[in-house]
All heavy atoms as atom14 arrays in JSON, in Angstrom:
{
  "sequence": "GPSANAVGHDLNYIGITGALASIARPGQPPTVPLNLVGDYGGG",
  "atom14_mask": [
    [1, 1, 1, 1, 0, 0, 0, 0, 0, 0, 0, 0, 0, 0],
    [1, 1, 1, 1, 1, 1, 1, 0, 0, 0, 0, 0, 0, 0],
    [1, 1, 1, 1, 1, 1, 0, 0, 0, 0, 0, 0, 0, 0],
    [1, 1, 1, 1, 1, 0, 0, 0, 0, 0, 0, 0, 0, 0],
    [1, 1, 1, 1, 1, 1, 1, 1, 0, 0, 0, 0, 0, 0],
    [1, 1, 1, 1, 1, 0, 0, 0, 0, 0, 0, 0, 0, 0],
    [1, 1, 1, 1, 1, 1, 1, 0, 0, 0, 0, 0, 0, 0],
    [1, 1, 1, 1, 0, 0, 0, 0, 0, 0, 0, 0, 0, 0],
    [1, 1, 1, 1, 1, 1, 1, 1, 1, 1, 0, 0, 0, 0],
    [1, 1, 1, 1, 1, 1, 1, 1, 0, 0, 0, 0, 0, 0],
    [1, 1, 1, 1, 1, 1, 1, 1, 0, 0, 0, 0, 0, 0],
    [1, 1, 1, 1, 1, 1, 1, 1, 0, 0, 0, 0, 0, 0],
    [1, 1, 1, 1, 1, 1, 1, 1, 1, 1, 1, 1, 0, 0],
    [1, 1, 1, 1, 1, 1, 1, 1, 0, 0, 0, 0, 0, 0],
    [1, 1, 1, 1, 0, 0, 0, 0, 0, 0, 0, 0, 0, 0],
    [1, 1, 1, 1, 1, 1, 1, 1, 0, 0, 0, 0, 0, 0],
    [1, 1, 1, 1, 1, 1, 1, 0, 0, 0, 0, 0, 0, 0],
    [1, 1, 1, 1, 0, 0, 0, 0, 0, 0, 0, 0, 0, 0],
    [1, 1, 1, 1, 1, 0, 0, 0, 0, 0, 0, 0, 0, 0],
    [1, 1, 1, 1, 1, 1, 1, 1, 0, 0, 0, 0, 0, 0],
    [1, 1, 1, 1, 1, 0, 0, 0, 0, 0, 0, 0, 0, 0],
    [1, 1, 1, 1, 1, 1, 0, 0, 0, 0, 0, 0, 0, 0],
    [1, 1, 1, 1, 1, 1, 1, 1, 0, 0, 0, 0, 0, 0],
    [1, 1, 1, 1, 1, 0, 0, 0, 0, 0, 0, 0, 0, 0],
    [1, 1, 1, 1, 1, 1, 1, 1, 1, 1, 1, 0, 0, 0],
    [1, 1, 1, 1, 1, 1, 1, 0, 0, 0, 0, 0, 0, 0],
    [1, 1, 1, 1, 0, 0, 0, 0, 0, 0, 0, 0, 0, 0],
    [1, 1, 1, 1, 1, 1, 1, 1, 1, 0, 0, 0, 0, 0],
    [1, 1, 1, 1, 1, 1, 1, 0, 0, 0, 0, 0, 0, 0],
    [1, 1, 1, 1, 1, 1, 1, 0, 0, 0, 0, 0, 0, 0],
    [1, 1, 1, 1, 1, 1, 1, 0, 0, 0, 0, 0, 0, 0],
    [1, 1, 1, 1, 1, 1, 1, 0, 0, 0, 0, 0, 0, 0],
    [1, 1, 1, 1, 1, 1, 1, 0, 0, 0, 0, 0, 0, 0],
    [1, 1, 1, 1, 1, 1, 1, 1, 0, 0, 0, 0, 0, 0],
    [1, 1, 1, 1, 1, 1, 1, 1, 0, 0, 0, 0, 0, 0],
    [1, 1, 1, 1, 1, 1, 1, 1, 0, 0, 0, 0, 0, 0],
    [1, 1, 1, 1, 1, 1, 1, 0, 0, 0, 0, 0, 0, 0],
    [1, 1, 1, 1, 0, 0, 0, 0, 0, 0, 0, 0, 0, 0],
    [1, 1, 1, 1, 1, 1, 1, 1, 0, 0, 0, 0, 0, 0],
    [1, 1, 1, 1, 1, 1, 1, 1, 1, 1, 1, 1, 0, 0],
    [1, 1, 1, 1, 0, 0, 0, 0, 0, 0, 0, 0, 0, 0],
    [1, 1, 1, 1, 0, 0, 0, 0, 0, 0, 0, 0, 0, 0],
    [1, 1, 1, 1, 0, 0, 0, 0, 0, 0, 0, 0, 0, 0]
  ],
  "atom14_positions": [
    [[21.01, -15.31, 10.81], [21.02, -13.9, 10.42], [19.59, -13.37, 10.47], [18.58, -14.18, 10.45], [0.0, 0.0, 0.0], [0.0, 0.0, 0.0], [0.0, 0.0, 0.0], [0.0, 0.0, 0.0], [0.0, 0.0, 0.0], [0.0, 0.0, 0.0], [0.0, 0.0, 0.0], [0.0, 0.0, 0.0], [0.0, 0.0, 0.0], [0.0, 0.0, 0.0]],
    [[19.31, -12.07, 10.45], [18.01, -11.47, 10.59], [16.98, -11.83, 9.46], [15.74, -11.96, 9.82], [18.38, -9.93, 10.42], [19.74, -9.8, 10.87], [20.39, -11.03, 10.4], [0.0, 0.0, 0.0], [0.0, 0.0, 0.0], [0.0, 0.0, 0.0], [0.0, 0.0, 0.0], [0.0, 0.0, 0.0], [0.0, 0.0, 0.0], [0.0, 0.0, 0.0]],
    [[17.43, -12.27, 8.34], [16.49, -12.53, 7.31], [16.52, -14.09, 7.01], [15.86, -14.53, 6.04], [16.97, -11.88, 5.98], [16.84, -10.46, 6.11], [0.0, 0.0, 0.0], [0.0, 0.0, 0.0], [0.0, 0.0, 0.0], [0.0, 0.0, 0.0], [0.0, 0.0, 0.0], [0.0, 0.0, 0.0], [0.0, 0.0, 0.0], [0.0, 0.0, 0.0]],
    [[16.99, -14.87, 7.96], [17.11, -16.31, 7.66], [15.83, -16.97, 7.3], [15.87, -17.91, 6.49], [17.89, -17.07, 8.77], [0.0, 0.0, 0.0], [0.0, 0.0, 0.0], [0.0, 0.0, 0.0], [0.0, 0.0, 0.0], [0.0, 0.0, 0.0], [0.0, 0.0, 0.0], [0.0, 0.0, 0.0], [0.0, 0.0, 0.0], [0.0, 0.0, 0.0]],
    [[14.76, -16.47, 7.93], [13.51, -17.23, 7.8], [12.53, -16.53, 6.81], [11.48, -16.91, 6.63], [12.8, -17.38, 9.13], [13.5, -18.36, 10.07], [13.72, -19.53, 9.66], [13.93, -17.86, 11.21], [0.0, 0.0, 0.0], [0.0, 0.0, 0.0], [0.0, 0.0, 0.0], [0.0, 0.0, 0.0], [0.0, 0.0, 0.0], [0.0, 0.0, 0.0]],
    [[13.19, -15.45, 6.07], [12.37, -14.78, 5.11], [12.36, -15.56, 3.87], [13.2, -16.32, 3.53], [12.88, -13.4, 4.8], [0.0, 0.0, 0.0], [0.0, 0.0, 0.0], [0.0, 0.0, 0.0], [0.0, 0.0, 0.0], [0.0, 0.0, 0.0], [0.0, 0.0, 0.0], [0.0, 0.0, 0.0], [0.0, 0.0, 0.0], [0.0, 0.0, 0.0]],
    [[11.24, -15.29, 3.03], [11.17, -15.93, 1.74], [11.97, -15.11, 0.74], [12.36, -14.01, 1.11], [9.63, -16.23, 1.25], [8.94, -17.06, 2.15], [9.02, -14.81, 1.16], [0.0, 0.0, 0.0], [0.0, 0.0, 0.0], [0.0, 0.0, 0.0], [0.0, 0.0, 0.0], [0.0, 0.0, 0.0], [0.0, 0.0, 0.0], [0.0, 0.0, 0.0]],
    [[12.33, -15.74, -0.45], [13.06, -14.96, -1.36], [13.45, -15.85, -2.51], [13.19, -17.04, -2.53], [0.0, 0.0, 0.0], [0.0, 0.0, 0.0], [0.0, 0.0, 0.0], [0.0, 0.0, 0.0], [0.0, 0.0, 0.0], [0.0, 0.0, 0.0], [0.0, 0.0, 0.0], [0.0, 0.0, 0.0], [0.0, 0.0, 0.0], [0.0, 0.0, 0.0]],
    [[14.01, -15.18, -3.56], [14.53, -15.87, -4.7], [15.81, -15.21, -5.14], [16.14, -14.13, -4.63], [13.47, -15.93, -5.85], [12.48, -16.98, -5.69], [12.68, -18.3, -5.71], [11.13, -16.91, -5.53], [11.6, -19.16, -5.55], [10.59, -18.18, -5.42], [0.0, 0.0, 0.0], [0.0, 0.0, 0.0], [0.0, 0.0, 0.0], [0.0, 0.0, 0.0]],
    [[16.41, -15.88, -6.09], [17.76, -15.49, -6.55], [17.88, -13.86, -6.72], [18.88, -13.37, -6.28], [17.83, -16.03, -8.02], [19.05, -15.53, -8.86], [18.79, -14.37, -9.42], [20.09, -16.11, -8.89], [0.0, 0.0, 0.0], [0.0, 0.0, 0.0], [0.0, 0.0, 0.0], [0.0, 0.0, 0.0], [0.0, 0.0, 0.0], [0.0, 0.0, 0.0]],
    [[16.99, -13.24, -7.34], [17.08, -11.8, -7.55], [17.16, -10.96, -6.29], [17.85, -9.99, -6.12], [15.9, -11.34, -8.42], [16.17, -10.05, -9.27], [17.36, -10.26, -10.26], [14.92, -9.74, -10.08], [0.0, 0.0, 0.0], [0.0, 0.0, 0.0], [0.0, 0.0, 0.0], [0.0, 0.0, 0.0], [0.0, 0.0, 0.0], [0.0, 0.0, 0.0]],
    [[16.33, -11.54, -5.19], [16.32, -10.86, -3.93], [17.86, -11.01, -3.31], [18.31, -10.01, -2.67], [15.37, -11.49, -2.96], [14.0, -11.47, -3.59], [13.37, -12.46, -3.61], [13.49, -10.27, -4.01], [0.0, 0.0, 0.0], [0.0, 0.0, 0.0], [0.0, 0.0, 0.0], [0.0, 0.0, 0.0], [0.0, 0.0, 0.0], [0.0, 0.0, 0.0]],
    [[18.35, -12.1, -3.41], [19.59, -12.44, -2.75], [20.77, -11.64, -3.32], [21.59, -10.99, -2.54], [19.92, -13.94, -2.72], [18.79, -14.72, -2.3], [18.57, -15.94, -2.98], [18.0, -14.45, -1.15], [17.43, -16.66, -2.62], [17.0, -15.29, -0.85], [16.66, -16.44, -1.52], [15.64, -17.19, -1.22], [0.0, 0.0, 0.0], [0.0, 0.0, 0.0]],
    [[20.76, -11.54, -4.7], [21.93, -10.79, -5.24], [21.71, -9.3, -5.15], [22.67, -8.54, -5.27], [22.22, -11.2, -6.72], [21.06, -10.8, -7.72], [22.41, -12.8, -6.83], [21.38, -11.09, -9.17], [0.0, 0.0, 0.0], [0.0, 0.0, 0.0], [0.0, 0.0, 0.0], [0.0, 0.0, 0.0], [0.0, 0.0, 0.0], [0.0, 0.0, 0.0]],
    [[20.5, -8.81, -4.98], [20.17, -7.45, -4.89], [20.79, -6.73, -3.64], [21.18, -5.58, -3.72], [0.0, 0.0, 0.0], [0.0, 0.0, 0.0], [0.0, 0.0, 0.0], [0.0, 0.0, 0.0], [0.0, 0.0, 0.0], [0.0, 0.0, 0.0], [0.0, 0.0, 0.0], [0.0, 0.0, 0.0], [0.0, 0.0, 0.0], [0.0, 0.0, 0.0]],
    [[21.03, -7.59, -2.59], [21.64, -6.84, -1.36], [23.18, -7.04, -1.4], [23.8, -6.56, -0.34], [21.13, -7.51, -0.15], [21.56, -8.91, 0.22], [19.53, -7.4, 0.0], [21.28, -9.48, 1.57], [0.0, 0.0, 0.0], [0.0, 0.0, 0.0], [0.0, 0.0, 0.0], [0.0, 0.0, 0.0], [0.0, 0.0, 0.0], [0.0, 0.0, 0.0]],
    [[23.79, -7.64, -2.35], [25.17, -7.93, -2.29], [25.96, -6.89, -3.11], [27.27, -6.93, -3.01], [25.55, -9.34, -2.9], [25.17, -9.3, -4.19], [24.79, -10.44, -2.12], [0.0, 0.0, 0.0], [0.0, 0.0, 0.0], [0.0, 0.0, 0.0], [0.0, 0.0, 0.0], [0.0, 0.0, 0.0], [0.0, 0.0, 0.0], [0.0, 0.0, 0.0]],
    [[25.33, -6.09, -3.82], [26.17, -5.08, -4.67], [26.24, -5.74, -6.15], [26.55, -4.9, -7.07], [0.0, 0.0, 0.0], [0.0, 0.0, 0.0], [0.0, 0.0, 0.0], [0.0, 0.0, 0.0], [0.0, 0.0, 0.0], [0.0, 0.0, 0.0], [0.0, 0.0, 0.0], [0.0, 0.0, 0.0], [0.0, 0.0, 0.0], [0.0, 0.0, 0.0]],
    [[26.1, -7.01, -6.31], [26.29, -7.57, -7.68], [25.28, -7.09, -8.6], [25.59, -6.66, -9.8], [26.22, -9.08, -7.51], [0.0, 0.0, 0.0], [0.0, 0.0, 0.0], [0.0, 0.0, 0.0], [0.0, 0.0, 0.0], [0.0, 0.0, 0.0], [0.0, 0.0, 0.0], [0.0, 0.0, 0.0], [0.0, 0.0, 0.0], [0.0, 0.0, 0.0]],
    [[24.02, -7.06, -8.26], [22.9, -6.67, -9.15], [23.09, -5.21, -9.62], [22.93, -4.9, -10.81], [21.55, -6.97, -8.65], [20.39, -6.64, -9.51], [20.43, -7.44, -10.83], [19.07, -6.9, -8.76], [0.0, 0.0, 0.0], [0.0, 0.0, 0.0], [0.0, 0.0, 0.0], [0.0, 0.0, 0.0], [0.0, 0.0, 0.0], [0.0, 0.0, 0.0]],
    [[23.27, -4.24, -8.67], [23.45, -2.91, -8.93], [24.61, -2.57, -9.92], [24.48, -1.65, -10.74], [23.65, -2.17, -7.66], [0.0, 0.0, 0.0], [0.0, 0.0, 0.0], [0.0, 0.0, 0.0], [0.0, 0.0, 0.0], [0.0, 0.0, 0.0], [0.0, 0.0, 0.0], [0.0, 0.0, 0.0], [0.0, 0.0, 0.0], [0.0, 0.0, 0.0]],
    [[25.61, -3.52, -9.94], [26.75, -3.22, -10.8], [26.48, -3.75, -12.33], [27.32, -3.61, -13.14], [27.91, -3.94, -10.24], [28.13, -3.6, -8.98], [0.0, 0.0, 0.0], [0.0, 0.0, 0.0], [0.0, 0.0, 0.0], [0.0, 0.0, 0.0], [0.0, 0.0, 0.0], [0.0, 0.0, 0.0], [0.0, 0.0, 0.0], [0.0, 0.0, 0.0]],
    [[25.31, -4.44, -12.57], [25.0, -4.91, -13.92], [23.89, -4.05, -14.42], [22.74, -4.28, -14.39], [24.61, -6.38, -13.79], [25.69, -7.29, -13.13], [24.42, -6.92, -15.2], [25.21, -8.65, -12.82], [0.0, 0.0, 0.0], [0.0, 0.0, 0.0], [0.0, 0.0, 0.0], [0.0, 0.0, 0.0], [0.0, 0.0, 0.0], [0.0, 0.0, 0.0]],
    [[24.31, -2.79, -14.83], [23.25, -1.83, -15.25], [23.88, -0.73, -16.18], [25.09, -0.73, -16.31], [22.77, -1.09, -13.98], [0.0, 0.0, 0.0], [0.0, 0.0, 0.0], [0.0, 0.0, 0.0], [0.0, 0.0, 0.0], [0.0, 0.0, 0.0], [0.0, 0.0, 0.0], [0.0, 0.0, 0.0], [0.0, 0.0, 0.0], [0.0, 0.0, 0.0]],
    [[23.01, -0.12, -16.92], [23.33, 0.97, -17.83], [22.88, 2.28, -17.08], [21.96, 2.3, -16.45], [22.64, 0.86, -19.21], [23.19, -0.49, -19.89], [24.66, -0.31, -20.47], [24.99, -1.46, -21.25], [26.16, -1.55, -21.93], [27.05, -0.59, -21.74], [26.48, -2.64, -22.57], [0.0, 0.0, 0.0], [0.0, 0.0, 0.0], [0.0, 0.0, 0.0]],
    [[23.59, 3.28, -17.45], [23.15, 4.67, -16.89], [21.74, 4.98, -17.12], [21.16, 4.8, -18.28], [23.98, 5.65, -17.56], [25.27, 4.89, -17.96], [24.73, 3.54, -18.34], [0.0, 0.0, 0.0], [0.0, 0.0, 0.0], [0.0, 0.0, 0.0], [0.0, 0.0, 0.0], [0.0, 0.0, 0.0], [0.0, 0.0, 0.0], [0.0, 0.0, 0.0]],
    [[20.95, 5.38, -16.08], [19.5, 5.75, -16.25], [18.57, 4.64, -16.31], [17.41, 4.79, -16.66], [0.0, 0.0, 0.0], [0.0, 0.0, 0.0], [0.0, 0.0, 0.0], [0.0, 0.0, 0.0], [0.0, 0.0, 0.0], [0.0, 0.0, 0.0], [0.0, 0.0, 0.0], [0.0, 0.0, 0.0], [0.0, 0.0, 0.0], [0.0, 0.0, 0.0]],
    [[19.06, 3.29, -16.26], [18.19, 2.19, -16.39], [18.23, 1.3, -15.15], [19.3, 1.4, -14.48], [18.57, 1.4, -17.62], [18.49, 2.13, -18.9], [18.99, 1.23, -20.05], [18.98, 0.07, -20.06], [19.3, 1.92, -21.18], [0.0, 0.0, 0.0], [0.0, 0.0, 0.0], [0.0, 0.0, 0.0], [0.0, 0.0, 0.0], [0.0, 0.0, 0.0]],
    [[17.24, 0.55, -14.87], [17.29, -0.38, -13.73], [18.4, -1.44, -14.14], [18.65, -1.67, -15.2], [15.92, -0.97, -13.68], [15.01, -0.09, -14.44], [15.89, 0.5, -15.49], [0.0, 0.0, 0.0], [0.0, 0.0, 0.0], [0.0, 0.0, 0.0], [0.0, 0.0, 0.0], [0.0, 0.0, 0.0], [0.0, 0.0, 0.0], [0.0, 0.0, 0.0]],
    [[18.97, -2.18, -13.08], [19.89, -3.24, -13.38], [19.3, -4.27, -14.34], [18.08, -4.52, -14.32], [20.19, -3.79, -12.0], [19.88, -2.63, -11.01], [18.72, -1.9, -11.61], [0.0, 0.0, 0.0], [0.0, 0.0, 0.0], [0.0, 0.0, 0.0], [0.0, 0.0, 0.0], [0.0, 0.0, 0.0], [0.0, 0.0, 0.0], [0.0, 0.0, 0.0]],
    [[20.22, -4.88, -15.0], [19.78, -5.96, -15.98], [19.71, -7.29, -15.12], [20.59, -7.62, -14.43], [20.77, -6.04, -17.08], [20.86, -4.95, -17.84], [20.44, -7.31, -17.93], [0.0, 0.0, 0.0], [0.0, 0.0, 0.0], [0.0, 0.0, 0.0], [0.0, 0.0, 0.0], [0.0, 0.0, 0.0], [0.0, 0.0, 0.0], [0.0, 0.0, 0.0]],
    [[18.61, -7.97, -15.36], [18.43, -9.29, -14.67], [19.38, -10.34, -15.3], [19.15, -10.6, -16.58], [16.98, -9.79, -14.69], [16.91, -11.13, -14.01], [16.02, -8.78, -14.13], [0.0, 0.0, 0.0], [0.0, 0.0, 0.0], [0.0, 0.0, 0.0], [0.0, 0.0, 0.0], [0.0, 0.0, 0.0], [0.0, 0.0, 0.0], [0.0, 0.0, 0.0]],
    [[20.41, -10.84, -14.58], [21.42, -11.68, -15.27], [21.01, -13.12, -15.21], [21.67, -14.03, -14.75], [22.61, -11.46, -14.3], [22.04, -11.13, -12.93], [20.81, -10.45, -13.19], [0.0, 0.0, 0.0], [0.0, 0.0, 0.0], [0.0, 0.0, 0.0], [0.0, 0.0, 0.0], [0.0, 0.0, 0.0], [0.0, 0.0, 0.0], [0.0, 0.0, 0.0]],
    [[19.74, -13.36, -15.67], [19.14, -14.69, -15.56], [19.18, -15.03, -14.17], [19.23, -14.2, -13.2], [19.86, -15.75, -16.42], [19.88, -15.56, -17.92], [20.6, -16.67, -18.7], [18.39, -15.4, -18.51], [0.0, 0.0, 0.0], [0.0, 0.0, 0.0], [0.0, 0.0, 0.0], [0.0, 0.0, 0.0], [0.0, 0.0, 0.0], [0.0, 0.0, 0.0]],
    [[19.23, -16.26, -13.7], [19.45, -16.62, -12.24], [20.72, -17.28, -12.02], [20.94, -18.15, -11.25], [18.27, -17.46, -11.74], [18.04, -18.7, -12.43], [18.36, -18.78, -13.55], [17.57, -19.79, -11.7], [0.0, 0.0, 0.0], [0.0, 0.0, 0.0], [0.0, 0.0, 0.0], [0.0, 0.0, 0.0], [0.0, 0.0, 0.0], [0.0, 0.0, 0.0]],
    [[21.74, -16.73, -12.84], [23.07, -17.3, -12.82], [23.85, -16.96, -11.55], [24.56, -17.72, -10.93], [23.87, -16.96, -14.08], [23.28, -17.4, -15.37], [24.02, -16.87, -16.51], [23.2, -18.94, -15.45], [0.0, 0.0, 0.0], [0.0, 0.0, 0.0], [0.0, 0.0, 0.0], [0.0, 0.0, 0.0], [0.0, 0.0, 0.0], [0.0, 0.0, 0.0]],
    [[23.78, -15.61, -11.17], [24.57, -15.22, -10.13], [24.29, -15.63, -8.71], [25.11, -16.06, -7.91], [24.64, -13.59, -10.08], [25.5, -13.01, -8.98], [25.06, -13.09, -11.53], [0.0, 0.0, 0.0], [0.0, 0.0, 0.0], [0.0, 0.0, 0.0], [0.0, 0.0, 0.0], [0.0, 0.0, 0.0], [0.0, 0.0, 0.0], [0.0, 0.0, 0.0]],
    [[22.91, -15.77, -8.43], [22.49, -16.2, -7.14], [22.32, -17.77, -7.11], [23.06, -18.5, -6.43], [0.0, 0.0, 0.0], [0.0, 0.0, 0.0], [0.0, 0.0, 0.0], [0.0, 0.0, 0.0], [0.0, 0.0, 0.0], [0.0, 0.0, 0.0], [0.0, 0.0, 0.0], [0.0, 0.0, 0.0], [0.0, 0.0, 0.0], [0.0, 0.0, 0.0]],
    [[21.36, -18.23, -7.85], [21.03, -19.66, -7.9], [22.19, -20.58, -8.16], [22.48, -21.53, -7.4], [19.84, -19.95, -8.88], [18.53, -19.78, -8.22], [18.37, -19.47, -6.97], [17.54, -19.74, -9.02], [0.0, 0.0, 0.0], [0.0, 0.0, 0.0], [0.0, 0.0, 0.0], [0.0, 0.0, 0.0], [0.0, 0.0, 0.0], [0.0, 0.0, 0.0]],
    [[22.94, -20.21, -9.19], [23.85, -21.17, -9.77], [25.35, -20.91, -9.42], [26.03, -21.6, -8.91], [23.67, -21.39, -11.32], [22.23, -21.91, -11.58], [21.41, -21.2, -12.39], [21.78, -23.07, -10.88], [20.07, -21.68, -12.68], [20.55, -23.52, -11.11], [19.67, -22.83, -12.01], [18.42, -23.31, -12.21], [0.0, 0.0, 0.0], [0.0, 0.0, 0.0]],
    [[25.79, -19.66, -9.72], [27.08, -19.24, -9.46], [27.34, -19.19, -7.88], [28.12, -19.7, -7.3], [0.0, 0.0, 0.0], [0.0, 0.0, 0.0], [0.0, 0.0, 0.0], [0.0, 0.0, 0.0], [0.0, 0.0, 0.0], [0.0, 0.0, 0.0], [0.0, 0.0, 0.0], [0.0, 0.0, 0.0], [0.0, 0.0, 0.0], [0.0, 0.0, 0.0]],
    [[26.44, -18.37, -7.28], [26.61, -18.09, -5.87], [25.86, -19.2, -5.04], [26.07, -19.27, -3.71], [0.0, 0.0, 0.0], [0.0, 0.0, 0.0], [0.0, 0.0, 0.0], [0.0, 0.0, 0.0], [0.0, 0.0, 0.0], [0.0, 0.0, 0.0], [0.0, 0.0, 0.0], [0.0, 0.0, 0.0], [0.0, 0.0, 0.0], [0.0, 0.0, 0.0]],
    [[25.07, -20.08, -5.65], [24.3, -21.08, -4.94], [24.92, -22.49, -5.07], [25.63, -23.0, -4.23], [0.0, 0.0, 0.0], [0.0, 0.0, 0.0], [0.0, 0.0, 0.0], [0.0, 0.0, 0.0], [0.0, 0.0, 0.0], [0.0, 0.0, 0.0], [0.0, 0.0, 0.0], [0.0, 0.0, 0.0], [0.0, 0.0, 0.0], [0.0, 0.0, 0.0]]
  ]
}
């Protein structure tokens, strides 16, 4: 894939999937869900 050799961490990976944007309150940035969704649940 186009980003296969790019660096990144959990938050970057879940940011492009729609998961992170869905964990938010109105008018606030998304809440960082620890690194559970990317590293551990999705990883």
